[in-house]
Amino acid sequence: FDSYILESSCRATVGEDECELFALCEQMITKDGGVVKDFIELDLKEFDDDSPGESTPEQLIEKEVFDACYFDNDESRVTQELVTKCNNVCRSRLCCFDSYILESSCRATVGEDECELFALCEQMITKDGGVVKDFIELDLKEFDDDSPGESTPEQLIEKEVFDACYFDNDESRVTQELVTKCNNVCRSRLCCFDSYILE
């Protein structure tokens, strides 16, 4: 993330994959590199910088990917409709992922920020580097590789960050409770962002 400035970013130390799990935490960094302390500050940062009610192109892309691809680790939500919608939204950015072998990586060309908007799309890449074609394939990939009903540590982290920090671009969901929970979950990985300046 191009926004955290500590003595040095921990991205190289903890790794890209670890930092990606905490992507939502970047919203907790203020423009001057500090940490959002209360919901009013987060509300102003997220909703009052642009014209009221207008989303940035990046927010619109992120929302489109989320709406098409997110299933909240809930096997019952993995449907053919989800696979079709997610593939349609993700098609142009599967090249962002090293695991996709059908074409060379475009990460350097389109940029890290662009690729991060499509992070959920990586679930559409099969273990052999192809593209998930149907919901059974996605279900087997996401739920049947581990012991039934068990989540990987990475899935648990991603869920914890999501549950604590996600407000779906809905201003009414930005509360002090959200800010407190999100700060607690994110504290150890704010160093992943180039915009963060240790206070």
Protein backbone atom coordinates (compact mmCIF):
# COMPACT_ATOMS: atom_id res chain seq x y z
CA PHE A 1 0.00 0.00 0.00
CA ASP A 2 1.44 3.29 -1.04
CA SER A 3 0.38 5.19 1.97
CA TYR A 4 2.50 4.14 5.40
CA ILE A 5 5.82 5.81 6.44
CA LEU A 6 7.37 4.32 9.56
CA GLU A 7 11.12 3.99 9.92
CA SER A 8 10.60 1.56 7.06
CA SER A 9 7.65 -0.41 5.80
CA CYS A 10 7.26 -3.92 7.21
CA ARG A 11 5.86 -5.14 3.88
CA ALA A 12 9.18 -6.72 2.93
CA THR A 13 9.50 -8.37 6.34
CA VAL A 14 5.98 -9.72 6.85
CA GLY A 15 5.33 -10.28 3.15
CA GLU A 16 2.88 -9.12 0.50
CA ASP A 17 0.37 -11.88 1.27
CA GLU A 18 0.23 -10.99 4.98
CA CYS A 19 -0.19 -7.29 4.22
CA GLU A 20 -2.93 -8.03 1.65
CA LEU A 21 -5.00 -9.66 4.43
CA PHE A 22 -5.05 -6.27 6.17
CA ALA A 23 -5.91 -4.15 3.09
CA LEU A 24 -9.02 -2.64 4.74
CA CYS A 25 -6.82 -1.24 7.51
CA GLU A 26 -5.48 1.47 5.23
CA GLN A 27 -8.71 3.44 5.78
CA MET A 28 -7.54 3.94 9.38
CA ILE A 29 -4.59 6.09 8.29
CA THR A 30 -5.17 9.83 8.19
CA LYS A 31 -3.93 12.07 5.37
CA ASP A 32 -1.05 13.24 7.58
CA GLY A 33 0.02 9.66 8.32
CA GLY A 34 -1.51 9.23 11.76
CA VAL A 35 -4.21 6.87 12.92
CA VAL A 36 -7.94 7.65 12.85
CA LYS A 37 -9.01 7.96 16.50
CA ASP A 38 -12.77 8.46 16.31
CA PHE A 39 -15.70 7.87 13.99
CA ILE A 40 -16.09 11.57 13.14
CA GLU A 41 -12.54 11.63 11.81
CA LEU A 42 -13.16 8.47 9.74
CA ASP A 43 -16.48 9.82 8.48
CA LEU A 44 -14.86 13.08 7.37
CA LYS A 45 -11.96 11.24 5.74
CA GLU A 46 -14.12 8.74 3.85
CA PHE A 47 -17.19 10.78 2.97
CA ASP A 48 -16.49 14.51 3.09
CA ASP A 49 -13.37 14.79 0.91
CA ASP A 50 -15.30 14.31 -2.33
CA SER A 51 -18.62 15.75 -3.32
CA PRO A 52 -21.35 14.38 -1.04
CA GLY A 53 -22.58 10.98 -2.12
CA GLU A 54 -20.07 10.56 -4.95
CA SER A 55 -17.75 7.58 -5.02
CA THR A 56 -14.30 7.60 -6.56
CA PRO A 57 -13.69 5.32 -9.56
CA GLU A 58 -11.56 3.12 -7.27
CA GLN A 59 -14.40 2.78 -4.74
CA LEU A 60 -16.79 1.86 -7.54
CA ILE A 61 -14.44 -0.85 -8.83
CA GLU A 62 -13.86 -2.23 -5.34
CA LYS A 63 -17.61 -2.32 -4.69
CA GLU A 64 -18.30 -4.01 -8.03
CA VAL A 65 -15.71 -6.71 -7.28
CA PHE A 66 -17.01 -7.16 -3.74
CA ASP A 67 -20.65 -7.37 -4.84
CA ALA A 68 -19.82 -9.92 -7.54
CA CYS A 69 -17.29 -12.10 -5.70
CA TYR A 70 -17.61 -11.97 -1.91
CA PHE A 71 -19.17 -14.98 -0.19
CA ASP A 72 -18.01 -14.42 3.41
CA ASN A 73 -16.61 -17.94 3.80
CA ASP A 74 -20.24 -19.12 3.57
CA GLU A 75 -20.41 -22.20 1.37
CA SER A 76 -24.14 -21.70 0.72
CA ARG A 77 -23.38 -18.41 -1.08
CA VAL A 78 -21.10 -20.08 -3.65
CA THR A 79 -23.46 -20.32 -6.62
CA GLN A 80 -23.12 -20.43 -10.39
CA GLU A 81 -24.43 -16.87 -10.49
CA LEU A 82 -21.62 -15.74 -8.17
CA VAL A 83 -18.99 -17.54 -10.30
CA THR A 84 -20.36 -16.02 -13.52
CA LYS A 85 -20.56 -12.47 -12.12
CA CYS A 86 -17.15 -12.72 -10.46
CA ASN A 87 -15.50 -14.05 -13.63
CA ASN A 88 -17.06 -11.22 -15.67
CA VAL A 89 -15.81 -8.55 -13.27
CA CYS A 90 -12.39 -10.13 -12.77
CA ARG A 91 -11.51 -11.21 -16.30
CA SER A 92 -9.42 -8.15 -17.13
CA ARG A 93 -7.34 -8.30 -13.93
CA LEU A 94 -6.62 -12.00 -13.35
CA CYS A 95 -3.20 -11.15 -14.77
CA CYS A 96 -2.49 -9.37 -11.46
CA PHE A 97 -1.96 -12.71 -9.73
CA ASP A 98 1.21 -14.80 -9.96
CA SER A 99 -0.88 -17.97 -9.72
CA TYR A 100 -2.61 -17.19 -13.05
CA ILE A 101 -0.59 -18.85 -15.82
CA LEU A 102 -2.69 -18.15 -18.90
CA GLU A 103 -0.96 -14.81 -19.49
CA SER A 104 1.99 -12.91 -18.06
CA SER A 105 1.62 -10.71 -15.02
CA CYS A 106 0.26 -7.21 -15.60
CA ARG A 107 0.92 -6.01 -12.02
CA ALA A 108 3.86 -3.83 -13.09
CA THR A 109 1.86 -2.39 -15.98
CA VAL A 110 -1.46 -1.63 -14.28
CA GLY A 111 0.06 -0.98 -10.84
CA GLU A 112 -0.24 -2.35 -7.32
CA ASP A 113 -3.19 -0.10 -6.41
CA GLU A 114 -5.23 -1.23 -9.41
CA CYS A 115 -4.48 -4.89 -8.71
CA GLU A 116 -5.41 -4.55 -5.03
CA LEU A 117 -8.89 -3.38 -6.02
CA PHE A 118 -9.31 -6.84 -7.57
CA ALA A 119 -7.87 -8.86 -4.65
CA LEU A 120 -11.03 -10.97 -4.28
CA CYS A 121 -10.58 -12.15 -7.86
CA GLU A 122 -7.70 -14.40 -6.91
CA GLN A 123 -10.22 -16.95 -5.61
CA MET A 124 -11.21 -17.49 -9.25
CA ILE A 125 -7.81 -18.98 -10.12
CA THR A 126 -7.51 -22.75 -9.89
CA LYS A 127 -4.55 -24.51 -8.30
CA ASP A 128 -3.19 -25.30 -11.77
CA GLY A 129 -3.36 -21.62 -12.81
CA GLY A 130 -6.54 -21.70 -14.86
CA VAL A 131 -9.91 -20.06 -14.21
CA VAL A 132 -12.71 -21.48 -12.07
CA LYS A 133 -15.57 -22.30 -14.46
CA ASP A 134 -18.40 -23.41 -12.18
CA PHE A 135 -19.58 -23.17 -8.59
CA ILE A 136 -18.69 -26.80 -7.81
CA GLU A 137 -15.08 -26.11 -8.73
CA LEU A 138 -15.02 -22.96 -6.56
CA ASP A 139 -16.72 -24.78 -3.69
CA LEU A 140 -14.17 -27.62 -3.82
CA LYS A 141 -11.28 -25.14 -4.04
CA GLU A 142 -12.43 -22.96 -1.16
CA PHE A 143 -14.04 -25.46 1.21
CA ASP A 144 -12.88 -29.02 0.56
CA ASP A 145 -9.08 -28.73 0.56
CA ASP A 146 -8.90 -28.41 4.36
CA SER A 147 -10.77 -30.37 6.94
CA PRO A 148 -14.49 -29.72 6.47
CA GLY A 149 -15.67 -26.59 8.23
CA GLU A 150 -12.17 -25.39 9.16
CA SER A 151 -10.78 -22.09 7.95
CA THR A 152 -7.13 -21.42 7.21
CA PRO A 153 -5.31 -18.92 9.45
CA GLU A 154 -5.31 -16.50 6.50
CA GLN A 155 -9.08 -16.80 6.06
CA LEU A 156 -9.58 -16.18 9.78
CA ILE A 157 -7.41 -13.04 9.66
CA GLU A 158 -9.18 -11.74 6.57
CA LYS A 159 -12.57 -12.36 8.17
CA GLU A 160 -11.51 -10.66 11.42
CA VAL A 161 -10.31 -7.57 9.52
CA PHE A 162 -13.44 -7.52 7.37
CA ASP A 163 -15.80 -7.94 10.34
CA ALA A 164 -14.04 -5.16 12.26
CA CYS A 165 -13.44 -2.63 9.49
CA TYR A 166 -15.84 -2.98 6.56
CA PHE A 167 -18.64 -0.42 6.27
CA ASP A 168 -19.66 -0.90 2.62
CA ASN A 169 -19.32 2.80 1.79
CA ASP A 170 -22.34 3.30 4.08
CA GLU A 171 -21.82 6.40 6.21
CA SER A 172 -24.36 5.23 8.81
CA ARG A 173 -22.15 2.21 9.62
CA VAL A 174 -19.16 4.37 10.57
CA THR A 175 -19.39 4.27 14.37
CA GLN A 176 -16.97 4.62 17.26
CA GLU A 177 -17.31 0.88 17.82
CA LEU A 178 -16.17 0.22 14.23
CA VAL A 179 -13.18 2.57 14.63
CA THR A 180 -12.15 0.96 17.93
CA LYS A 181 -12.48 -2.61 16.64
CA CYS A 182 -10.73 -1.79 13.37
CA ASN A 183 -7.83 -0.05 15.14
CA ASN A 184 -7.41 -3.02 17.49
CA VAL A 185 -7.32 -5.52 14.63
CA CYS A 186 -5.11 -3.36 12.40
CA ARG A 187 -2.60 -2.02 14.92
CA SER A 188 0.08 -4.65 14.21
CA ARG A 189 -0.05 -4.22 10.41
CA LEU A 190 -0.37 -0.47 9.81
CA CYS A 191 3.32 -0.73 8.93
CA CYS A 192 2.21 -2.33 5.65
CA PHE A 193 1.11 1.07 4.35
CA ASP A 194 3.46 3.71 2.97
CA SER A 195 1.18 6.51 4.23
CA TYR A 196 1.48 5.61 7.93
CA ILE A 197 3.85 7.74 10.02
CA LEU A 198 4.48 6.41 13.51
CA GLU A 199 3.32 9.05 15.97
